[in-house]
C-alpha atoms as a PDB file:
ATOM      1  CA  UNK A   1     -22.216-100.212  58.213  1.00  0.00           C
ATOM      2  CA  UNK A   2     -21.042 -96.631  57.669  1.00  0.00           C
ATOM      3  CA  UNK A   3     -21.963 -93.256  56.238  1.00  0.00           C
ATOM      4  CA  UNK A   4     -20.587 -92.257  52.851  1.00  0.00           C
ATOM      5  CA  UNK A   5     -20.881 -89.019  50.889  1.00  0.00           C
ATOM      6  CA  UNK A   6     -23.802 -90.701  49.081  1.00  0.00           C
ATOM      7  CA  UNK A   7     -25.718 -91.755  52.205  1.00  0.00           C
ATOM      8  CA  UNK A   8     -25.829 -94.527  54.771  1.00  0.00           C
ATOM      9  CA  UNK A   9     -24.268 -97.827  53.738  1.00  0.00           C
ATOM     10  CA  UNK A  10     -25.859-100.754  55.584  1.00  0.00           C
ATOM     11  CA  UNK A  11     -26.548-104.436  54.913  1.00  0.00           C
ATOM     12  CA  UNK A  12     -29.538-106.166  56.547  1.00  0.00           C
ATOM     13  CA  UNK A  13     -30.798-109.658  55.725  1.00  0.00           C
ATOM     14  CA  UNK A  14     -33.987-111.579  56.479  1.00  0.00           C
ATOM     15  CA  UNK A  15     -34.212-115.303  57.127  1.00  0.00           C
ATOM     16  CA  UNK A  16     -36.888-117.898  57.824  1.00  0.00           C
ATOM     17  CA  UNK A  17     -38.589-120.944  56.410  1.00  0.00           C
ATOM     18  CA  UNK A  18     -41.237-120.547  53.707  1.00  0.00           C
ATOM     19  CA  UNK A  19     -44.473-118.937  54.926  1.00  0.00           C
ATOM     20  CA  UNK A  20     -42.691-117.380  57.905  1.00  0.00           C
ATOM     21  CA  UNK A  21     -43.478-113.891  56.642  1.00  0.00           C
ATOM     22  CA  UNK A  22     -39.835-112.889  56.109  1.00  0.00           C
ATOM     23  CA  UNK A  23     -40.414-111.490  52.614  1.00  0.00           C
ATOM     24  CA  UNK A  24     -43.372-109.448  53.831  1.00  0.00           C
ATOM     25  CA  UNK A  25     -41.287-107.986  56.646  1.00  0.00           C
ATOM     26  CA  UNK A  26     -38.352-107.282  54.335  1.00  0.00           C
ATOM     27  CA  UNK A  27     -40.595-105.314  51.957  1.00  0.00           C
ATOM     28  CA  UNK A  28     -42.256-103.431  54.819  1.00  0.00           C
ATOM     29  CA  UNK A  29     -38.832-102.368  56.058  1.00  0.00           C
ATOM     30  CA  UNK A  30     -37.884-101.224  52.556  1.00  0.00           C
ATOM     31  CA  UNK A  31     -41.037 -99.083  52.407  1.00  0.00           C
ATOM     32  CA  UNK A  32     -40.396 -97.567  55.834  1.00  0.00           C
ATOM     33  CA  UNK A  33     -36.802 -96.718  55.001  1.00  0.00           C
ATOM     34  CA  UNK A  34     -37.823 -95.159  51.691  1.00  0.00           C
ATOM     35  CA  UNK A  35     -40.470 -93.071  53.458  1.00  0.00           C
ATOM     36  CA  UNK A  36     -37.673 -91.722  55.664  1.00  0.00           C
ATOM     37  CA  UNK A  37     -35.686 -90.710  52.588  1.00  0.00           C
ATOM     38  CA  UNK A  38     -33.065 -93.445  52.549  1.00  0.00           C
ATOM     39  CA  UNK A  39     -31.610 -94.971  49.414  1.00  0.00           C
ATOM     40  CA  UNK A  40     -32.654 -98.633  49.618  1.00  0.00           C
ATOM     41  CA  UNK A  41     -32.162-101.722  47.473  1.00  0.00           C
ATOM     42  CA  UNK A  42     -34.180-104.908  47.959  1.00  0.00           C
ATOM     43  CA  UNK A  43     -32.685-108.152  46.657  1.00  0.00           C
ATOM     44  CA  UNK A  44     -33.590-111.812  46.999  1.00  0.00           C
ATOM     45  CA  UNK A  45     -31.491-114.935  46.963  1.00  0.00           C
ATOM     46  CA  UNK A  46     -30.912-116.625  44.674  1.00  0.00           C
ATOM     47  CA  UNK A  47     -31.490-114.012  41.989  1.00  0.00           C
ATOM     48  CA  UNK A  48     -31.114-110.368  40.939  1.00  0.00           C
ATOM     49  CA  UNK A  49     -28.591-110.946  38.153  1.00  0.00           C
ATOM     50  CA  UNK A  50     -29.222-112.717  34.853  1.00  0.00           C
ATOM     51  CA  UNK A  51     -26.905-115.574  35.815  1.00  0.00           C
ATOM     52  CA  UNK A  52     -28.286-115.827  39.352  1.00  0.00           C
ATOM     53  CA  UNK A  53     -31.863-115.963  38.064  1.00  0.00           C
ATOM     54  CA  UNK A  54     -30.909-118.786  35.683  1.00  0.00           C
ATOM     55  CA  UNK A  55     -29.368-120.682  38.608  1.00  0.00           C
ATOM     56  CA  UNK A  56     -32.498-120.021  40.677  1.00  0.00           C
ATOM     57  CA  UNK A  57     -34.619-121.661  37.998  1.00  0.00           C
ATOM     58  CA  UNK A  58     -32.411-124.757  38.097  1.00  0.00           C
ATOM     59  CA  UNK A  59     -32.494-124.955  41.887  1.00  0.00           C
ATOM     60  CA  UNK A  60     -36.272-124.660  42.219  1.00  0.00           C
ATOM     61  CA  UNK A  61     -37.333-126.739  39.209  1.00  0.00           C
ATOM     62  CA  UNK A  62     -39.220-129.846  40.414  1.00  0.00           C
ATOM     63  CA  UNK A  63     -37.818-131.757  37.433  1.00  0.00           C
ATOM     64  CA  UNK A  64     -34.380-131.622  39.078  1.00  0.00           C
ATOM     65  CA  UNK A  65     -35.224-133.960  41.954  1.00  0.00           C
ATOM     66  CA  UNK A  66     -32.051-135.945  41.324  1.00  0.00           C
ATOM     67  CA  UNK A  67     -29.887-132.919  42.222  1.00  0.00           C
ATOM     68  CA  UNK A  68     -27.370-133.906  44.888  1.00  0.00           C
ATOM     69  CA  UNK A  69     -26.897-131.902  48.087  1.00  0.00           C
ATOM     70  CA  UNK A  70     -23.382-130.826  47.074  1.00  0.00           C
ATOM     71  CA  UNK A  71     -24.566-129.710  43.641  1.00  0.00           C
ATOM     72  CA  UNK A  72     -27.265-127.672  45.356  1.00  0.00           C
ATOM     73  CA  UNK A  73     -24.692-126.077  47.665  1.00  0.00           C
ATOM     74  CA  UNK A  74     -22.369-125.134  44.818  1.00  0.00           C
ATOM     75  CA  UNK A  75     -25.179-123.676  42.711  1.00  0.00           C
ATOM     76  CA  UNK A  76     -26.356-121.490  45.590  1.00  0.00           C
ATOM     77  CA  UNK A  77     -22.765-120.386  46.163  1.00  0.00           C
ATOM     78  CA  UNK A  78     -22.228-119.546  42.499  1.00  0.00           C
ATOM     79  CA  UNK A  79     -25.390-117.455  42.428  1.00  0.00           C
ATOM     80  CA  UNK A  80     -24.322-115.643  45.602  1.00  0.00           C
ATOM     81  CA  UNK A  81     -20.837-114.902  44.283  1.00  0.00           C
ATOM     82  CA  UNK A  82     -22.328-113.245  41.206  1.00  0.00           C
ATOM     83  CA  UNK A  83     -24.766-111.231  43.328  1.00  0.00           C
ATOM     84  CA  UNK A  84     -22.075-110.009  45.729  1.00  0.00           C
ATOM     85  CA  UNK A  85     -19.712-108.924  42.964  1.00  0.00           C
ATOM     86  CA  UNK A  86     -22.240-107.365  40.581  1.00  0.00           C
ATOM     87  CA  UNK A  87     -24.874-105.929  42.944  1.00  0.00           C
ATOM     88  CA  UNK A  88     -24.169-105.905  46.679  1.00  0.00           C
ATOM     89  CA  UNK A  89     -20.666-104.421  46.873  1.00  0.00           C
ATOM     90  CA  UNK A  90     -21.356-101.692  44.265  1.00  0.00           C
ATOM     91  CA  UNK A  91     -24.571-100.721  46.080  1.00  0.00           C
ATOM     92  CA  UNK A  92     -22.804-100.462  49.436  1.00  0.00           C
ATOM     93  CA  UNK A  93     -20.049 -98.370  47.857  1.00  0.00           C
ATOM     94  CA  UNK A  94     -22.746 -95.934  46.701  1.00  0.00           C
ATOM     95  CA  UNK A  95     -24.215 -95.477  50.190  1.00  0.00           C
ATOM     96  CA  UNK A  96     -27.222 -97.781  49.874  1.00  0.00           C
ATOM     97  CA  UNK A  97     -29.112 -99.669  52.557  1.00  0.00           C
ATOM     98  CA  UNK A  98     -29.320-103.257  51.329  1.00  0.00           C
ATOM     99  CA  UNK A  99     -32.262-105.427  52.355  1.00  0.00           C
ATOM    100  CA  UNK A 100     -31.581-109.022  51.342  1.00  0.00           C
ATOM    101  CA  UNK A 101     -34.227-111.772  51.416  1.00  0.00           C
ATOM    102  CA  UNK A 102     -31.989-114.746  52.351  1.00  0.00           C
ATOM    103  CA  UNK A 103     -28.195-114.863  52.415  1.00  0.00           C
ATOM    104  CA  UNK A 104     -25.485-117.148  53.814  1.00  0.00           C
ATOM    105  CA  UNK A 105     -27.532-118.188  56.864  1.00  0.00           C
ATOM    106  CA  UNK A 106     -29.977-119.959  54.565  1.00  0.00           C
ATOM    107  CA  UNK A 107     -27.119-122.095  53.310  1.00  0.00           C
ATOM    108  CA  UNK A 108     -26.138-123.041  56.857  1.00  0.00           C
ATOM    109  CA  UNK A 109     -29.719-123.879  57.816  1.00  0.00           C
ATOM    110  CA  UNK A 110     -30.792-125.642  54.622  1.00  0.00           C
ATOM    111  CA  UNK A 111     -27.653-127.322  53.331  1.00  0.00           C
ATOM    112  CA  UNK A 112     -25.833-128.086  56.613  1.00  0.00           C
ATOM    113  CA  UNK A 113     -28.728-128.848  58.949  1.00  0.00           C
ATOM    114  CA  UNK A 114     -31.404-129.680  56.374  1.00  0.00           C
ATOM    115  CA  UNK A 115     -29.332-131.699  53.905  1.00  0.00           C
ATOM    116  CA  UNK A 116     -26.690-132.892  56.363  1.00  0.00           C
ATOM    117  CA  UNK A 117     -23.588-131.522  54.627  1.00  0.00           C
ATOM    118  CA  UNK A 118     -20.572-130.774  56.856  1.00  0.00           C
ATOM    119  CA  UNK A 119     -20.862-127.330  58.437  1.00  0.00           C
ATOM    120  CA  UNK A 120     -17.171-126.718  57.732  1.00  0.00           C
ATOM    121  CA  UNK A 121     -17.785-127.174  53.984  1.00  0.00           C
ATOM    122  CA  UNK A 122     -20.707-124.749  54.110  1.00  0.00           C
ATOM    123  CA  UNK A 123     -18.654-122.109  55.898  1.00  0.00           C
ATOM    124  CA  UNK A 124     -15.827-122.412  53.346  1.00  0.00           C
ATOM    125  CA  UNK A 125     -18.241-122.043  50.416  1.00  0.00           C
ATOM    126  CA  UNK A 126     -19.898-119.045  52.041  1.00  0.00           C
ATOM    127  CA  UNK A 127     -16.525-117.389  52.628  1.00  0.00           C
ATOM    128  CA  UNK A 128     -15.463-117.873  49.003  1.00  0.00           C
ATOM    129  CA  UNK A 129     -18.801-116.695  47.591  1.00  0.00           C
ATOM    130  CA  UNK A 130     -19.049-113.553  49.726  1.00  0.00           C
ATOM    131  CA  UNK A 131     -15.419-112.557  50.156  1.00  0.00           C
ATOM    132  CA  UNK A 132     -16.304-111.967  53.794  1.00  0.00           C
ATOM    133  CA  UNK A 133     -19.268-109.650  53.169  1.00  0.00           C
ATOM    134  CA  UNK A 134     -21.839-110.194  55.937  1.00  0.00           C
ATOM    135  CA  UNK A 135     -24.946-108.285  57.072  1.00  0.00           C
ATOM    136  CA  UNK A 136     -24.693-106.043  60.095  1.00  0.00           C
ATOM    137  CA  UNK A 137     -28.023-107.545  61.264  1.00  0.00           C
ATOM    138  CA  UNK A 138     -30.025-110.586  60.261  1.00  0.00           C
ATOM    139  CA  UNK A 139     -33.682-110.794  61.278  1.00  0.00           C
ATOM    140  CA  UNK A 140     -34.831-114.383  61.546  1.00  0.00           C
ATOM    141  CA  UNK A 141     -38.633-114.667  61.503  1.00  0.00           C
ATOM    142  CA  UNK A 142     -39.139-117.716  63.698  1.00  0.00           C
ATOM    143  CA  UNK A 143     -42.185-119.954  63.274  1.00  0.00           C
ATOM    144  CA  UNK A 144     -42.585-123.731  63.818  1.00  0.00           C
ATOM    145  CA  UNK A 145     -42.842-125.978  60.734  1.00  0.00           C
ATOM    146  CA  UNK A 146     -46.423-126.890  61.740  1.00  0.00           C
ATOM    147  CA  UNK A 147     -47.400-123.220  61.563  1.00  0.00           C
ATOM    148  CA  UNK A 148     -45.716-122.891  58.178  1.00  0.00           C
ATOM    149  CA  UNK A 149     -47.709-125.861  56.881  1.00  0.00           C
ATOM    150  CA  UNK A 150     -50.931-124.401  58.269  1.00  0.00           C
ATOM    151  CA  UNK A 151     -50.287-121.088  56.544  1.00  0.00           C
ATOM    152  CA  UNK A 152     -49.417-122.808  53.264  1.00  0.00           C
ATOM    153  CA  UNK A 153     -52.677-124.773  53.365  1.00  0.00           C
ATOM    154  CA  UNK A 154     -54.663-121.678  54.335  1.00  0.00           C
ATOM    155  CA  UNK A 155     -53.296-119.643  51.440  1.00  0.00           C
ATOM    156  CA  UNK A 156     -53.519-122.522  48.971  1.00  0.00           C
ATOM    157  CA  UNK A 157     -49.780-122.359  48.349  1.00  0.00           C
ATOM    158  CA  UNK A 158     -49.091-125.969  49.304  1.00  0.00           C
ATOM    159  CA  UNK A 159     -45.811-127.679  48.467  1.00  0.00           C
ATOM    160  CA  UNK A 160     -44.547-125.740  45.483  1.00  0.00           C
ATOM    161  CA  UNK A 161     -40.961-125.767  44.237  1.00  0.00           C
ATOM    162  CA  UNK A 162     -38.324-128.474  44.644  1.00  0.00           C
ATOM    163  CA  UNK A 163     -37.110-127.250  48.039  1.00  0.00           C
ATOM    164  CA  UNK A 164     -40.567-126.480  49.433  1.00  0.00           C
ATOM    165  CA  UNK A 165     -41.511-130.136  48.782  1.00  0.00           C
ATOM    166  CA  UNK A 166     -38.746-131.471  51.071  1.00  0.00           C
ATOM    167  CA  UNK A 167     -41.141-132.344  53.923  1.00  0.00           C
ATOM    168  CA  UNK A 168     -41.721-131.560  57.588  1.00  0.00           C
ATOM    169  CA  UNK A 169     -38.681-133.442  58.948  1.00  0.00           C
ATOM    170  CA  UNK A 170     -36.409-131.490  56.620  1.00  0.00           C
ATOM    171  CA  UNK A 171     -37.831-128.151  57.721  1.00  0.00           C
ATOM    172  CA  UNK A 172     -37.610-129.157  61.376  1.00  0.00           C
ATOM    173  CA  UNK A 173     -33.872-129.614  60.856  1.00  0.00           C
ATOM    174  CA  UNK A 174     -33.703-126.276  59.039  1.00  0.00           C
ATOM    175  CA  UNK A 175     -35.322-124.534  62.021  1.00  0.00           C
ATOM    176  CA  UNK A 176     -32.759-126.256  64.265  1.00  0.00           C
ATOM    177  CA  UNK A 177     -30.085-124.704  62.053  1.00  0.00           C
ATOM    178  CA  UNK A 178     -31.532-121.239  62.456  1.00  0.00           C
ATOM    179  CA  UNK A 179     -31.708-121.694  66.222  1.00  0.00           C
ATOM    180  CA  UNK A 180     -28.046-122.729  66.177  1.00  0.00           C
ATOM    181  CA  UNK A 181     -27.181-119.471  64.420  1.00  0.00           C
ATOM    182  CA  UNK A 182     -29.186-117.457  66.935  1.00  0.00           C
ATOM    183  CA  UNK A 183     -27.233-119.092  69.763  1.00  0.00           C
ATOM    184  CA  UNK A 184     -23.776-118.806  68.204  1.00  0.00           C
ATOM    185  CA  UNK A 185     -24.051-115.339  66.604  1.00  0.00           C
ATOM    186  CA  UNK A 186     -26.389-113.372  68.898  1.00  0.00           C
ATOM    187  CA  UNK A 187     -24.908-109.960  68.064  1.00  0.00           C
ATOM    188  CA  UNK A 188     -25.819-110.225  64.381  1.00  0.00           C
ATOM    189  CA  UNK A 189     -28.524-112.886  64.153  1.00  0.00           C
ATOM    190  CA  UNK A 190     -31.750-111.744  65.822  1.00  0.00           C
ATOM    191  CA  UNK A 191     -34.656-114.127  66.360  1.00  0.00           C
ATOM    192  CA  UNK A 192     -38.083-112.511  65.923  1.00  0.00           C
ATOM    193  CA  UNK A 193     -41.296-114.248  67.032  1.00  0.00           C
ATOM    194  CA  UNK A 194     -43.143-114.735  63.745  1.00  0.00           C
ATOM    195  CA  UNK A 195     -46.421-115.874  65.314  1.00  0.00           C
ATOM    196  CA  UNK A 196     -47.451-112.313  66.189  1.00  0.00           C
ATOM    197  CA  UNK A 197     -49.342-109.891  63.942  1.00  0.00           C
ATOM    198  CA  UNK A 198     -47.612-108.453  60.891  1.00  0.00           C
ATOM    199  CA  UNK A 199     -47.765-104.954  62.397  1.00  0.00           C
ATOM    200  CA  UNK A 200     -46.265-106.050  65.736  1.00  0.00           C
ATOM    201  CA  UNK A 201     -43.383-107.810  64.007  1.00  0.00           C
ATOM    202  CA  UNK A 202     -42.743-104.818  61.742  1.00  0.00           C
ATOM    203  CA  UNK A 203     -42.700-102.451  64.737  1.00  0.00           C
ATOM    204  CA  UNK A 204     -40.204-104.696  66.549  1.00  0.00           C
ATOM    205  CA  UNK A 205     -37.888-104.774  63.535  1.00  0.00           C
ATOM    206  CA  UNK A 206     -38.194-101.042  62.900  1.00  0.00           C
ATOM    207  CA  UNK A 207     -37.213-100.182  66.465  1.00  0.00           C
ATOM    208  CA  UNK A 208     -34.056-102.265  66.086  1.00  0.00           C
ATOM    209  CA  UNK A 209     -33.223-100.717  62.709  1.00  0.00           C
ATOM    210  CA  UNK A 210     -33.686 -97.232  64.129  1.00  0.00           C
ATOM    211  CA  UNK A 211     -30.969 -98.005  66.666  1.00  0.00           C
ATOM    212  CA  UNK A 212     -28.631 -98.978  63.821  1.00  0.00           C
ATOM    213  CA  UNK A 213     -29.444 -95.798  61.908  1.00  0.00           C
ATOM    214  CA  UNK A 214     -28.780 -93.606  64.944  1.00  0.00           C
ATOM    215  CA  UNK A 215     -25.485 -95.354  65.526  1.00  0.00           C
ATOM    216  CA  UNK A 216     -24.487 -94.916  61.885  1.00  0.00           C
ATOM    217  CA  UNK A 217     -25.395 -91.218  61.868  1.00  0.00           C
ATOM    218  CA  UNK A 218     -23.331 -90.596  64.979  1.00  0.00           C
ATOM    219  CA  UNK A 219     -20.276 -92.451  63.659  1.00  0.00           C
END
């Protein structure tokens, strides 16, 4: 996080299980920052490059149910490496505020805790894929798996792609992974109660981002 001659350079990510509202909150933050005149780029993982989008299609395709956990890990890592090199680092160099919908914490929660791969392997893959690039803040929108299922049923979304169909026990482990991150990296990884109203959550996040902006402007 720093100020450049082009503007403020800052990297913020959003995390959470499906139907947590993380994407909604990420987009609301983008809109608020743009209203204040900041240069902002919204990206999602996996995706945002031609290669990353092709990998995303492979990862989410329900026909690929025989994909092993390690294959899944390596595909996510490959997509991330392409995104970091082609999109994230250039944007930060140009003084952009990056808002990323999922990043390395998803890999810890889903592939280590959800799939049961060794955490050490996950951390090594993340380090290689990112070259050490991490968000200054990660907002984790925290809801129980039961609430996520209720929301999915209410909206008619149901179990959609390959990962969304993994089941309640899987997502319970994923939430455990996110809680682990909140406990071990409290300075960066911020848990946000996702069972409140959209406006209340957005106001909470905005107040925290304002603190970061003030700090960056005074640096």
